[in-house]
PDB file of N, CA and C in Angstrom:
ATOM      1  N   MET A   1     -20.136 -12.737 -24.748  1.00  0.00           N
ATOM      2  CA  MET A   1     -20.562 -13.616 -23.689  1.00  0.00           C
ATOM      3  C   MET A   1     -22.085 -13.716 -23.762  1.00  0.00           C
ATOM      4  N   PRO A   2     -22.611 -14.908 -23.826  1.00  0.00           N
ATOM      5  CA  PRO A   2     -24.067 -15.045 -23.933  1.00  0.00           C
ATOM      6  C   PRO A   2     -24.764 -14.684 -22.623  1.00  0.00           C
ATOM      7  N   VAL A   3     -25.976 -14.182 -22.769  1.00  0.00           N
ATOM      8  CA  VAL A   3     -26.805 -13.812 -21.629  1.00  0.00           C
ATOM      9  C   VAL A   3     -28.036 -14.703 -21.649  1.00  0.00           C
ATOM     10  N   PHE A   4     -28.302 -15.378 -20.535  1.00  0.00           N
ATOM     11  CA  PHE A   4     -29.472 -16.243 -20.410  1.00  0.00           C
ATOM     12  C   PHE A   4     -30.436 -15.629 -19.404  1.00  0.00           C
ATOM     13  N   VAL A   5     -31.721 -15.627 -19.753  1.00  0.00           N
ATOM     14  CA  VAL A   5     -32.759 -15.135 -18.864  1.00  0.00           C
ATOM     15  C   VAL A   5     -33.824 -16.214 -18.767  1.00  0.00           C
ATOM     16  N   VAL A   6     -34.095 -16.635 -17.520  1.00  0.00           N
ATOM     17  CA  VAL A   6     -35.136 -17.635 -17.284  1.00  0.00           C
ATOM     18  C   VAL A   6     -36.200 -16.968 -16.427  1.00  0.00           C
ATOM     19  N   GLY A   7     -37.449 -17.151 -16.794  1.00  0.00           N
ATOM     20  CA  GLY A   7     -38.526 -16.544 -16.024  1.00  0.00           C
ATOM     21  C   GLY A   7     -39.855 -17.178 -16.359  1.00  0.00           C
ATOM     22  N   SER A   8     -40.869 -16.569 -15.834  1.00  0.00           N
ATOM     23  CA  SER A   8     -42.219 -17.073 -16.063  1.00  0.00           C
ATOM     24  C   SER A   8     -43.096 -15.896 -16.433  1.00  0.00           C
ATOM     25  N   ALA A   9     -43.978 -16.097 -17.330  1.00  0.00           N
ATOM     26  CA  ALA A   9     -44.888 -15.036 -17.749  1.00  0.00           C
ATOM     27  C   ALA A   9     -46.310 -15.388 -17.332  1.00  0.00           C
ATOM     28  N   LEU A  10     -46.453 -16.127 -16.259  1.00  0.00           N
ATOM     29  CA  LEU A  10     -47.786 -16.461 -15.768  1.00  0.00           C
ATOM     30  C   LEU A  10     -48.474 -15.212 -15.256  1.00  0.00           C
ATOM     31  N   GLY A  11     -49.679 -15.093 -15.566  1.00  0.00           N
ATOM     32  CA  GLY A  11     -50.439 -13.946 -15.088  1.00  0.00           C
ATOM     33  C   GLY A  11     -51.744 -13.837 -15.831  1.00  0.00           C
ATOM     34  N   LYS A  12     -52.550 -12.980 -15.338  1.00  0.00           N
ATOM     35  CA  LYS A  12     -53.849 -12.789 -15.945  1.00  0.00           C
ATOM     36  C   LYS A  12     -53.686 -11.921 -17.170  1.00  0.00           C
ATOM     37  N   SER A  13     -54.308 -12.308 -18.255  1.00  0.00           N
ATOM     38  CA  SER A  13     -54.213 -11.512 -19.473  1.00  0.00           C
ATOM     39  C   SER A  13     -55.580 -11.445 -20.138  1.00  0.00           C
ATOM     40  N   TRP A  14     -55.769 -10.430 -20.890  1.00  0.00           N
ATOM     41  CA  TRP A  14     -57.013 -10.255 -21.631  1.00  0.00           C
ATOM     42  C   TRP A  14     -56.682 -10.129 -23.104  1.00  0.00           C
ATOM     43  N   GLY A  15     -57.531 -10.563 -23.897  1.00  0.00           N
ATOM     44  CA  GLY A  15     -57.367 -10.390 -25.325  1.00  0.00           C
ATOM     45  C   GLY A  15     -56.518 -11.473 -25.962  1.00  0.00           C
ATOM     46  N   PHE A  16     -56.096 -11.185 -27.156  1.00  0.00           N
ATOM     47  CA  PHE A  16     -55.339 -12.126 -27.965  1.00  0.00           C
ATOM     48  C   PHE A  16     -53.887 -12.164 -27.489  1.00  0.00           C
ATOM     49  N   PRO A  17     -53.308 -13.396 -27.260  1.00  0.00           N
ATOM     50  CA  PRO A  17     -51.906 -13.459 -26.800  1.00  0.00           C
ATOM     51  C   PRO A  17     -50.944 -12.945 -27.864  1.00  0.00           C
ATOM     52  N   LEU A  18     -49.978 -12.180 -27.438  1.00  0.00           N
ATOM     53  CA  LEU A  18     -48.991 -11.580 -28.343  1.00  0.00           C
ATOM     54  C   LEU A  18     -47.752 -12.470 -28.398  1.00  0.00           C
ATOM     55  N   THR A  19     -47.859 -13.610 -29.072  1.00  0.00           N
ATOM     56  CA  THR A  19     -46.747 -14.555 -29.105  1.00  0.00           C
ATOM     57  C   THR A  19     -45.569 -14.031 -29.906  1.00  0.00           C
ATOM     58  N   LEU A  20     -45.780 -13.134 -30.836  1.00  0.00           N
ATOM     59  CA  LEU A  20     -44.665 -12.611 -31.628  1.00  0.00           C
ATOM     60  C   LEU A  20     -43.717 -11.765 -30.775  1.00  0.00           C
ATOM     61  N   GLU A  21     -44.241 -11.145 -29.761  1.00  0.00           N
ATOM     62  CA  GLU A  21     -43.411 -10.308 -28.910  1.00  0.00           C
ATOM     63  C   GLU A  21     -42.860 -11.065 -27.714  1.00  0.00           C
ATOM     64  N   GLY A  22     -43.221 -12.330 -27.542  1.00  0.00           N
ATOM     65  CA  GLY A  22     -42.711 -13.119 -26.440  1.00  0.00           C
ATOM     66  C   GLY A  22     -43.389 -12.816 -25.123  1.00  0.00           C
ATOM     67  N   SER A  23     -44.547 -12.193 -25.127  1.00  0.00           N
ATOM     68  CA  SER A  23     -45.207 -11.844 -23.886  1.00  0.00           C
ATOM     69  C   SER A  23     -46.463 -12.663 -23.644  1.00  0.00           C
ATOM     70  N   ALA A  24     -46.600 -13.764 -24.326  1.00  0.00           N
ATOM     71  CA  ALA A  24     -47.771 -14.617 -24.120  1.00  0.00           C
ATOM     72  C   ALA A  24     -47.637 -15.356 -22.800  1.00  0.00           C
ATOM     73  N   PRO A  25     -48.763 -15.667 -22.135  1.00  0.00           N
ATOM     74  CA  PRO A  25     -48.668 -16.421 -20.877  1.00  0.00           C
ATOM     75  C   PRO A  25     -48.007 -17.779 -21.115  1.00  0.00           C
ATOM     76  N   SER A  26     -47.059 -18.133 -20.263  1.00  0.00           N
ATOM     77  CA  SER A  26     -46.377 -19.419 -20.388  1.00  0.00           C
ATOM     78  C   SER A  26     -45.857 -19.812 -19.014  1.00  0.00           C
ATOM     79  N   ILE A  27     -45.500 -21.082 -18.867  1.00  0.00           N
ATOM     80  CA  ILE A  27     -44.978 -21.561 -17.585  1.00  0.00           C
ATOM     81  C   ILE A  27     -43.514 -21.158 -17.426  1.00  0.00           C
ATOM     82  N   VAL A  28     -42.708 -21.368 -18.453  1.00  0.00           N
ATOM     83  CA  VAL A  28     -41.280 -21.029 -18.383  1.00  0.00           C
ATOM     84  C   VAL A  28     -40.878 -20.350 -19.677  1.00  0.00           C
ATOM     85  N   ASN A  29     -40.138 -19.261 -19.534  1.00  0.00           N
ATOM     86  CA  ASN A  29     -39.559 -18.573 -20.687  1.00  0.00           C
ATOM     87  C   ASN A  29     -38.044 -18.647 -20.565  1.00  0.00           C
ATOM     88  N   LEU A  30     -37.380 -18.970 -21.647  1.00  0.00           N
ATOM     89  CA  LEU A  30     -35.920 -18.969 -21.698  1.00  0.00           C
ATOM     90  C   LEU A  30     -35.514 -18.102 -22.874  1.00  0.00           C
ATOM     91  N   ASN A  31     -34.814 -17.036 -22.574  1.00  0.00           N
ATOM     92  CA  ASN A  31     -34.324 -16.131 -23.617  1.00  0.00           C
ATOM     93  C   ASN A  31     -32.810 -16.104 -23.546  1.00  0.00           C
ATOM     94  N   THR A  32     -32.183 -16.076 -24.664  1.00  0.00           N
ATOM     95  CA  THR A  32     -30.727 -15.952 -24.715  1.00  0.00           C
ATOM     96  C   THR A  32     -30.361 -14.922 -25.761  1.00  0.00           C
ATOM     97  N   GLN A  33     -29.239 -14.254 -25.514  1.00  0.00           N
ATOM     98  CA  GLN A  33     -28.766 -13.244 -26.432  1.00  0.00           C
ATOM     99  C   GLN A  33     -27.251 -13.309 -26.448  1.00  0.00           C
ATOM    100  N   ALA A  34     -26.649 -13.338 -27.614  1.00  0.00           N
ATOM    101  CA  ALA A  34     -25.198 -13.391 -27.733  1.00  0.00           C
ATOM    102  C   ALA A  34     -24.778 -12.723 -29.028  1.00  0.00           C
ATOM    103  N   ALA A  35     -23.627 -12.115 -29.007  1.00  0.00           N
ATOM    104  CA  ALA A  35     -23.075 -11.502 -30.213  1.00  0.00           C
ATOM    105  C   ALA A  35     -22.203 -12.542 -30.909  1.00  0.00           C
ATOM    106  N   LEU A  36     -22.484 -12.816 -32.150  1.00  0.00           N
ATOM    107  CA  LEU A  36     -21.681 -13.787 -32.895  1.00  0.00           C
ATOM    108  C   LEU A  36     -20.384 -13.147 -33.385  1.00  0.00           C
ATOM    109  N   PHE A  37     -20.492 -11.982 -33.959  1.00  0.00           N
ATOM    110  CA  PHE A  37     -19.305 -11.291 -34.434  1.00  0.00           C
ATOM    111  C   PHE A  37     -19.477  -9.804 -34.157  1.00  0.00           C
ATOM    112  N   ASN A  38     -18.683  -9.309 -33.223  1.00  0.00           N
ATOM    113  CA  ASN A  38     -18.762  -7.898 -32.855  1.00  0.00           C
ATOM    114  C   ASN A  38     -17.340  -7.416 -32.577  1.00  0.00           C
ATOM    115  N   PRO A  39     -16.680  -6.838 -33.555  1.00  0.00           N
ATOM    116  CA  PRO A  39     -15.296  -6.401 -33.378  1.00  0.00           C
ATOM    117  C   PRO A  39     -15.129  -5.380 -32.239  1.00  0.00           C
ATOM    118  N   ALA A  40     -16.076  -4.494 -32.070  1.00  0.00           N
ATOM    119  CA  ALA A  40     -15.973  -3.501 -31.003  1.00  0.00           C
ATOM    120  C   ALA A  40     -16.020  -4.179 -29.639  1.00  0.00           C
ATOM    121  N   LEU A  41     -16.877  -5.187 -29.505  1.00  0.00           N
ATOM    122  CA  LEU A  41     -16.967  -5.907 -28.243  1.00  0.00           C
ATOM    123  C   LEU A  41     -15.683  -6.685 -27.972  1.00  0.00           C
ATOM    124  N   GLN A  42     -15.122  -7.292 -29.007  1.00  0.00           N
ATOM    125  CA  GLN A  42     -13.864  -8.017 -28.846  1.00  0.00           C
ATOM    126  C   GLN A  42     -12.743  -7.072 -28.422  1.00  0.00           C
ATOM    127  N   GLN A  43     -12.698  -5.909 -29.024  1.00  0.00           N
ATOM    128  CA  GLN A  43     -11.673  -4.922 -28.660  1.00  0.00           C
ATOM    129  C   GLN A  43     -11.876  -4.442 -27.226  1.00  0.00           C
ATOM    130  N   ALA A  44     -13.118  -4.249 -26.821  1.00  0.00           N
ATOM    131  CA  ALA A  44     -13.399  -3.822 -25.447  1.00  0.00           C
ATOM    132  C   ALA A  44     -12.977  -4.902 -24.456  1.00  0.00           C
ATOM    133  N   MET A  45     -13.187  -6.161 -24.796  1.00  0.00           N
ATOM    134  CA  MET A  45     -12.771  -7.263 -23.922  1.00  0.00           C
ATOM    135  C   MET A  45     -11.249  -7.305 -23.815  1.00  0.00           C
ATOM    136  N   ARG A  46     -10.538  -7.135 -24.915  1.00  0.00           N
ATOM    137  CA  ARG A  46      -9.074  -7.099 -24.878  1.00  0.00           C
ATOM    138  C   ARG A  46      -8.582  -5.939 -24.014  1.00  0.00           C
ATOM    139  N   ALA A  47      -9.215  -4.783 -24.175  1.00  0.00           N
ATOM    140  CA  ALA A  47      -8.811  -3.613 -23.388  1.00  0.00           C
ATOM    141  C   ALA A  47      -9.061  -3.853 -21.902  1.00  0.00           C
ATOM    142  N   ALA A  48     -10.184  -4.476 -21.572  1.00  0.00           N
ATOM    143  CA  ALA A  48     -10.484  -4.754 -20.164  1.00  0.00           C
ATOM    144  C   ALA A  48      -9.476  -5.735 -19.580  1.00  0.00           C
ATOM    145  N   ARG A  49      -9.100  -6.762 -20.341  1.00  0.00           N
ATOM    146  CA  ARG A  49      -8.091  -7.711 -19.866  1.00  0.00           C
ATOM    147  C   ARG A  49      -6.740  -7.023 -19.678  1.00  0.00           C
ATOM    148  N   ALA A  50      -6.373  -6.142 -20.610  1.00  0.00           N
ATOM    149  CA  ALA A  50      -5.103  -5.417 -20.502  1.00  0.00           C
ATOM    150  C   ALA A  50      -5.108  -4.500 -19.273  1.00  0.00           C
ATOM    151  N   GLU A  51      -6.233  -3.836 -19.027  1.00  0.00           N
ATOM    152  CA  GLU A  51      -6.323  -2.964 -17.848  1.00  0.00           C
ATOM    153  C   GLU A  51      -6.241  -3.775 -16.562  1.00  0.00           C
ATOM    154  N   THR A  52      -6.852  -4.954 -16.549  1.00  0.00           N
ATOM    155  CA  THR A  52      -6.781  -5.813 -15.368  1.00  0.00           C
ATOM    156  C   THR A  52      -5.345  -6.238 -15.112  1.00  0.00           C
ATOM    157  N   ARG A  53      -4.650  -6.628 -16.156  1.00  0.00           N
ATOM    158  CA  ARG A  53      -3.250  -7.039 -16.017  1.00  0.00           C
ATOM    159  C   ARG A  53      -2.382  -5.867 -15.553  1.00  0.00           C
ATOM    160  N   ALA A  54      -2.633  -4.688 -16.106  1.00  0.00           N
ATOM    161  CA  ALA A  54      -1.870  -3.505 -15.702  1.00  0.00           C
ATOM    162  C   ALA A  54      -2.121  -3.180 -14.235  1.00  0.00           C
ATOM    163  N   ALA A  55      -3.353  -3.319 -13.784  1.00  0.00           N
ATOM    164  CA  ALA A  55      -3.664  -3.060 -12.375  1.00  0.00           C
ATOM    165  C   ALA A  55      -2.964  -4.069 -11.473  1.00  0.00           C
ATOM    166  N   GLU A  56      -2.917  -5.326 -11.884  1.00  0.00           N
ATOM    167  CA  GLU A  56      -2.209  -6.349 -11.097  1.00  0.00           C
ATOM    168  C   GLU A  56      -0.722  -6.017 -10.996  1.00  0.00           C
ATOM    169  N   LEU A  57      -0.109  -5.664 -12.125  1.00  0.00           N
ATOM    170  CA  LEU A  57       1.319  -5.335 -12.129  1.00  0.00           C
ATOM    171  C   LEU A  57       1.588  -4.073 -11.316  1.00  0.00           C
ATOM    172  N   SER A  58       0.698  -3.109 -11.407  1.00  0.00           N
ATOM    173  CA  SER A  58       0.859  -1.885 -10.623  1.00  0.00           C
ATOM    174  C   SER A  58       0.788  -2.186  -9.130  1.00  0.00           C
ATOM    175  N   GLY A  59      -0.122  -3.066  -8.742  1.00  0.00           N
ATOM    176  CA  GLY A  59      -0.217  -3.453  -7.332  1.00  0.00           C
ATOM    177  C   GLY A  59       1.033  -4.167  -6.858  1.00  0.00           C
ATOM    178  N   LYS A  60       1.569  -5.064  -7.680  1.00  0.00           N
ATOM    179  CA  LYS A  60       2.804  -5.761  -7.321  1.00  0.00           C
ATOM    180  C   LYS A  60       3.976  -4.785  -7.227  1.00  0.00           C
ATOM    181  N   ASP A  61       4.027  -3.844  -8.167  1.00  0.00           N
ATOM    182  CA  ASP A  61       5.104  -2.853  -8.161  1.00  0.00           C
ATOM    183  C   ASP A  61       5.021  -1.976  -6.918  1.00  0.00           C
ATOM    184  N   ARG A  62       3.823  -1.556  -6.563  1.00  0.00           N
ATOM    185  CA  ARG A  62       3.642  -0.723  -5.359  1.00  0.00           C
ATOM    186  C   ARG A  62       4.036  -1.501  -4.107  1.00  0.00           C
ATOM    187  N   ARG A  63       3.681  -2.772  -4.050  1.00  0.00           N
ATOM    188  CA  ARG A  63       4.043  -3.609  -2.899  1.00  0.00           C
ATOM    189  C   ARG A  63       5.568  -3.712  -2.774  1.00  0.00           C
ATOM    190  N   ALA A  64       6.243  -3.948  -3.905  1.00  0.00           N
ATOM    191  CA  ALA A  64       7.708  -4.038  -3.886  1.00  0.00           C
ATOM    192  C   ALA A  64       8.325  -2.706  -3.459  1.00  0.00           C
ATOM    193  N   GLN A  65       7.739  -1.597  -3.898  1.00  0.00           N
ATOM    194  CA  GLN A  65       8.243  -0.286  -3.524  1.00  0.00           C
ATOM    195  C   GLN A  65       8.086  -0.054  -2.021  1.00  0.00           C
ATOM    196  N   VAL A  66       6.964  -0.453  -1.445  1.00  0.00           N
ATOM    197  CA  VAL A  66       6.744  -0.286  -0.005  1.00  0.00           C
ATOM    198  C   VAL A  66       7.742  -1.144   0.778  1.00  0.00           C
ATOM    199  N   ILE A  67       7.985  -2.367   0.312  1.00  0.00           N
ATOM    200  CA  ILE A  67       8.954  -3.240   0.982  1.00  0.00           C
ATOM    201  C   ILE A  67      10.345  -2.613   0.937  1.00  0.00           C
ATOM    202  N   GLN A  68      10.724  -2.086  -0.221  1.00  0.00           N
ATOM    203  CA  GLN A  68      12.043  -1.468  -0.355  1.00  0.00           C
ATOM    204  C   GLN A  68      12.175  -0.252   0.570  1.00  0.00           C
ATOM    205  N   GLU A  69      11.156   0.591   0.621  1.00  0.00           N
ATOM    206  CA  GLU A  69      11.203   1.758   1.501  1.00  0.00           C
ATOM    207  C   GLU A  69      11.301   1.339   2.964  1.00  0.00           C
ATOM    208  N   THR A  70      10.593   0.278   3.331  1.00  0.00           N
ATOM    209  CA  THR A  70      10.638  -0.207   4.707  1.00  0.00           C
ATOM    210  C   THR A  70      12.041  -0.696   5.067  1.00  0.00           C
ATOM    211  N   VAL A  71      12.658  -1.451   4.173  1.00  0.00           N
ATOM    212  CA  VAL A  71      14.017  -1.943   4.419  1.00  0.00           C
ATOM    213  C   VAL A  71      14.992  -0.780   4.566  1.00  0.00           C
ATOM    214  N   LEU A  72      14.889   0.205   3.686  1.00  0.00           N
ATOM    215  CA  LEU A  72      15.786   1.362   3.770  1.00  0.00           C
ATOM    216  C   LEU A  72      15.577   2.134   5.073  1.00  0.00           C
ATOM    217  N   ASN A  73      14.329   2.259   5.503  1.00  0.00           N
ATOM    218  CA  ASN A  73      14.055   2.951   6.770  1.00  0.00           C
ATOM    219  C   ASN A  73      14.646   2.203   7.955  1.00  0.00           C
ATOM    220  N   TYR A  74      14.542   0.876   7.949  1.00  0.00           N
ATOM    221  CA  TYR A  74      15.137   0.100   9.047  1.00  0.00           C
ATOM    222  C   TYR A  74      16.655   0.191   9.043  1.00  0.00           C
ATOM    223  N   LEU A  75      17.261   0.207   7.861  1.00  0.00           N
ATOM    224  CA  LEU A  75      18.717   0.360   7.794  1.00  0.00           C
ATOM    225  C   LEU A  75      19.152   1.720   8.336  1.00  0.00           C
ATOM    226  N   GLU A  76      18.406   2.759   7.981  1.00  0.00           N
ATOM    227  CA  GLU A  76      18.733   4.085   8.493  1.00  0.00           C
ATOM    228  C   GLU A  76      18.533   4.146  10.009  1.00  0.00           C
ATOM    229  N   LEU A  77      17.481   3.499  10.505  1.00  0.00           N
ATOM    230  CA  LEU A  77      17.247   3.449  11.951  1.00  0.00           C
ATOM    231  C   LEU A  77      18.406   2.760  12.666  1.00  0.00           C
ATOM    232  N   ALA A  78      18.887   1.661  12.111  1.00  0.00           N
ATOM    233  CA  ALA A  78      20.022   0.948  12.716  1.00  0.00           C
ATOM    234  C   ALA A  78      21.266   1.836  12.742  1.00  0.00           C
ATOM    235  N   GLN A  79      21.468   2.598  11.682  1.00  0.00           N
ATOM    236  CA  GLN A  79      22.617   3.500  11.636  1.00  0.00           C
ATOM    237  C   GLN A  79      22.502   4.570  12.724  1.00  0.00           C
ATOM    238  N   TRP A  80      21.310   5.145  12.878  1.00  0.00           N
ATOM    239  CA  TRP A  80      21.116   6.168  13.918  1.00  0.00           C
ATOM    240  C   TRP A  80      21.281   5.565  15.316  1.00  0.00           C
ATOM    241  N   GLU A  81      20.828   4.339  15.503  1.00  0.00           N
ATOM    242  CA  GLU A  81      20.992   3.693  16.816  1.00  0.00           C
ATOM    243  C   GLU A  81      22.463   3.492  17.149  1.00  0.00           C
ATOM    244  N   ARG A  82      23.281   3.119  16.158  1.00  0.00           N
ATOM    245  CA  ARG A  82      24.716   2.982  16.388  1.00  0.00           C
ATOM    246  C   ARG A  82      25.331   4.337  16.750  1.00  0.00           C
ATOM    247  N   GLN A  83      24.900   5.385  16.075  1.00  0.00           N
ATOM    248  CA  GLN A  83      25.424   6.720  16.375  1.00  0.00           C
ATOM    249  C   GLN A  83      25.000   7.166  17.771  1.00  0.00           C
ATOM    250  N   ILE A  84      23.795   6.835  18.174  1.00  0.00           N
ATOM    251  CA  ILE A  84      23.336   7.202  19.521  1.00  0.00           C
ATOM    252  C   ILE A  84      24.201   6.526  20.574  1.00  0.00           C
ATOM    253  N   GLU A  85      24.510   5.266  20.380  1.00  0.00           N
ATOM    254  CA  GLU A  85      25.368   4.557  21.339  1.00  0.00           C
ATOM    255  C   GLU A  85      26.723   5.249  21.470  1.00  0.00           C
ATOM    256  N   GLN A  86      27.319   5.615  20.341  1.00  0.00           N
ATOM    257  CA  GLN A  86      28.628   6.275  20.368  1.00  0.00           C
ATOM    258  C   GLN A  86      28.521   7.653  21.013  1.00  0.00           C
ATOM    259  N   LEU A  87      27.450   8.399  20.688  1.00  0.00           N
ATOM    260  CA  LEU A  87      27.277   9.727  21.274  1.00  0.00           C
ATOM    261  C   LEU A  87      27.039   9.647  22.781  1.00  0.00           C
ATOM    262  N   GLN A  88      26.304   8.646  23.228  1.00  0.00           N
ATOM    263  CA  GLN A  88      26.095   8.474  24.669  1.00  0.00           C
ATOM    264  C   GLN A  88      27.409   8.140  25.374  1.00  0.00           C
ATOM    265  N   LYS A  89      28.238   7.324  24.734  1.00  0.00           N
ATOM    266  CA  LYS A  89      29.556   6.985  25.306  1.00  0.00           C
ATOM    267  C   LYS A  89      30.423   8.241  25.386  1.00  0.00           C
ATOM    268  N   ASP A  90      30.417   9.030  24.293  1.00  0.00           N
ATOM    269  CA  ASP A  90      31.203  10.272  24.288  1.00  0.00           C
ATOM    270  C   ASP A  90      30.708  11.248  25.356  1.00  0.00           C
ATOM    271  N   ALA A  91      29.387  11.339  25.520  1.00  0.00           N
ATOM    272  CA  ALA A  91      28.831  12.236  26.544  1.00  0.00           C
ATOM    273  C   ALA A  91      29.247  11.768  27.935  1.00  0.00           C
ATOM    274  N   GLY A  92      29.230  10.478  28.183  1.00  0.00           N
ATOM    275  CA  GLY A  92      29.673   9.942  29.480  1.00  0.00           C
ATOM    276  C   GLY A  92      31.138  10.243  29.735  1.00  0.00           C
ATOM    277  N   ASP A  93      31.977  10.071  28.699  1.00  0.00           N
ATOM    278  CA  ASP A  93      33.406  10.388  28.833  1.00  0.00           C
ATOM    279  C   ASP A  93      33.604  11.868  29.141  1.00  0.00           C
ATOM    280  N   SER A  94      32.861  12.725  28.450  1.00  0.00           N
ATOM    281  CA  SER A  94      32.980  14.173  28.683  1.00  0.00           C
ATOM    282  C   SER A  94      32.550  14.533  30.097  1.00  0.00           C
ATOM    283  N   GLN A  95      31.476  13.912  30.582  1.00  0.00           N
ATOM    284  CA  GLN A  95      31.020  14.205  31.942  1.00  0.00           C
ATOM    285  C   GLN A  95      32.050  13.749  32.982  1.00  0.00           C
ATOM    286  N   ARG A  96      32.671  12.585  32.744  1.00  0.00           N
ATOM    287  CA  ARG A  96      33.699  12.113  33.681  1.00  0.00           C
ATOM    288  C   ARG A  96      34.915  13.037  33.677  1.00  0.00           C
ATOM    289  N   THR A  97      35.323  13.500  32.486  1.00  0.00           N
ATOM    290  CA  THR A  97      36.457  14.423  32.395  1.00  0.00           C
ATOM    291  C   THR A  97      36.124  15.735  33.093  1.00  0.00           C
ATOM    292  N   GLU A  98      34.935  16.237  32.848  1.00  0.00           N
ATOM    293  CA  GLU A  98      34.508  17.483  33.480  1.00  0.00           C
ATOM    294  C   GLU A  98      34.475  17.341  35.006  1.00  0.00           C
ATOM    295  N   SER A  99      33.998  16.202  35.464  1.00  0.00           N
ATOM    296  CA  SER A  99      33.942  15.941  36.905  1.00  0.00           C
ATOM    297  C   SER A  99      35.354  15.864  37.491  1.00  0.00           C
ATOM    298  N   ALA A 100      36.273  15.229  36.759  1.00  0.00           N
ATOM    299  CA  ALA A 100      37.652  15.124  37.241  1.00  0.00           C
ATOM    300  C   ALA A 100      38.306  16.492  37.315  1.00  0.00           C
ATOM    301  N   VAL A 101      38.085  17.343  36.310  1.00  0.00           N
ATOM    302  CA  VAL A 101      38.645  18.691  36.316  1.00  0.00           C
ATOM    303  C   VAL A 101      38.043  19.494  37.465  1.00  0.00           C
ATOM    304  N   ALA A 102      36.732  19.361  37.697  1.00  0.00           N
ATOM    305  CA  ALA A 102      36.085  20.085  38.804  1.00  0.00           C
ATOM    306  C   ALA A 102      36.653  19.627  40.141  1.00  0.00           C
ATOM    307  N   ASP A 103      36.908  18.322  40.288  1.00  0.00           N
ATOM    308  CA  ASP A 103      37.503  17.812  41.529  1.00  0.00           C
ATOM    309  C   ASP A 103      38.920  18.369  41.727  1.00  0.00           C
ATOM    310  N   ARG A 104      39.698  18.430  40.650  1.00  0.00           N
ATOM    311  CA  ARG A 104      41.069  18.938  40.750  1.00  0.00           C
ATOM    312  C   ARG A 104      41.058  20.422  41.125  1.00  0.00           C
ATOM    313  N   ILE A 105      40.115  21.164  40.549  1.00  0.00           N
ATOM    314  CA  ILE A 105      40.009  22.590  40.889  1.00  0.00           C
ATOM    315  C   ILE A 105      39.588  22.740  42.347  1.00  0.00           C
ATOM    316  N   HIS A 106      38.637  21.917  42.775  1.00  0.00           N
ATOM    317  CA  HIS A 106      38.139  21.987  44.146  1.00  0.00           C
ATOM    318  C   HIS A 106      39.240  21.639  45.151  1.00  0.00           C
ATOM    319  N   GLU A 107      40.099  20.698  44.809  1.00  0.00           N
ATOM    320  CA  GLU A 107      41.187  20.297  45.704  1.00  0.00           C
ATOM    321  C   GLU A 107      42.365  21.270  45.647  1.00  0.00           C
ATOM    322  N   GLY A 108      42.349  22.176  44.651  1.00  0.00           N
ATOM    323  CA  GLY A 108      43.408  23.161  44.544  1.00  0.00           C
ATOM    324  C   GLY A 108      44.588  22.699  43.723  1.00  0.00           C
ATOM    325  N   VAL A 109      44.472  21.581  43.038  1.00  0.00           N
ATOM    326  CA  VAL A 109      45.561  21.082  42.208  1.00  0.00           C
ATOM    327  C   VAL A 109      45.684  21.927  40.941  1.00  0.00           C
ATOM    328  N   ASP A 110      44.578  22.280  40.345  1.00  0.00           N
ATOM    329  CA  ASP A 110      44.554  23.095  39.121  1.00  0.00           C
ATOM    330  C   ASP A 110      43.831  24.401  39.409  1.00  0.00           C
ATOM    331  N   SER A 111      44.085  25.396  38.539  1.00  0.00           N
ATOM    332  CA  SER A 111      43.399  26.676  38.702  1.00  0.00           C
ATOM    333  C   SER A 111      42.029  26.608  38.012  1.00  0.00           C
ATOM    334  N   ALA A 112      41.196  27.584  38.297  1.00  0.00           N
ATOM    335  CA  ALA A 112      39.847  27.627  37.716  1.00  0.00           C
ATOM    336  C   ALA A 112      39.889  27.847  36.213  1.00  0.00           C
ATOM    337  N   LEU A 113      41.004  28.342  35.699  1.00  0.00           N
ATOM    338  CA  LEU A 113      41.131  28.561  34.257  1.00  0.00           C
ATOM    339  C   LEU A 113      41.204  27.243  33.491  1.00  0.00           C
ATOM    340  N   GLU A 114      41.559  26.133  34.143  1.00  0.00           N
ATOM    341  CA  GLU A 114      41.644  24.827  33.500  1.00  0.00           C
ATOM    342  C   GLU A 114      40.304  24.367  32.947  1.00  0.00           C
ATOM    343  N   SER A 115      39.228  24.761  33.618  1.00  0.00           N
ATOM    344  CA  SER A 115      37.905  24.299  33.164  1.00  0.00           C
ATOM    345  C   SER A 115      37.455  25.007  31.894  1.00  0.00           C
ATOM    346  N   THR A 116      38.082  26.137  31.572  1.00  0.00           N
ATOM    347  CA  THR A 116      37.672  26.863  30.357  1.00  0.00           C
ATOM    348  C   THR A 116      38.556  26.541  29.171  1.00  0.00           C
ATOM    349  N   LYS A 117      39.621  25.799  29.364  1.00  0.00           N
ATOM    350  CA  LYS A 117      40.503  25.436  28.253  1.00  0.00           C
ATOM    351  C   LYS A 117      39.830  24.380  27.394  1.00  0.00           C
ATOM    352  N   PRO A 118      39.997  24.490  26.078  1.00  0.00           N
ATOM    353  CA  PRO A 118      39.461  23.428  25.222  1.00  0.00           C
ATOM    354  C   PRO A 118      40.256  22.153  25.390  1.00  0.00           C
ATOM    355  N   SER A 119      39.555  21.024  25.304  1.00  0.00           N
ATOM    356  CA  SER A 119      40.253  19.736  25.452  1.00  0.00           C
ATOM    357  C   SER A 119      40.934  19.377  24.139  1.00  0.00           C
ATOM    358  N   SER A 120      42.069  18.697  24.235  1.00  0.00           N
ATOM    359  CA  SER A 120      42.800  18.339  23.015  1.00  0.00           C
ATOM    360  C   SER A 120      42.725  16.876  22.749  1.00  0.00           C
TER     361      SER A 120
END
């Protein structure tokens, strides 16, 4: 890739101007530098492009992985919510049964041993 430098070398100078070194006083200086054939530079450019592409693909892969994990987490959450609903229903049924047995014992219909029997 060529490099262009534009500047000015205006300034006070003493002695003989050093035009061979490019430092003589002038209004505008334009310098350019480019490699015509540099295999190492070409290889470095290819490697940089490959690394850029790999970073892009890695970012896309990570994004897809995060999306997949999020979907799986929401599915698991939905499953737990369904189980909570069923467990709350079962707990309500158990409390009603327990209350009915306590009422029967209190009224004298059943003995106190009924409350300690396992339900079938």
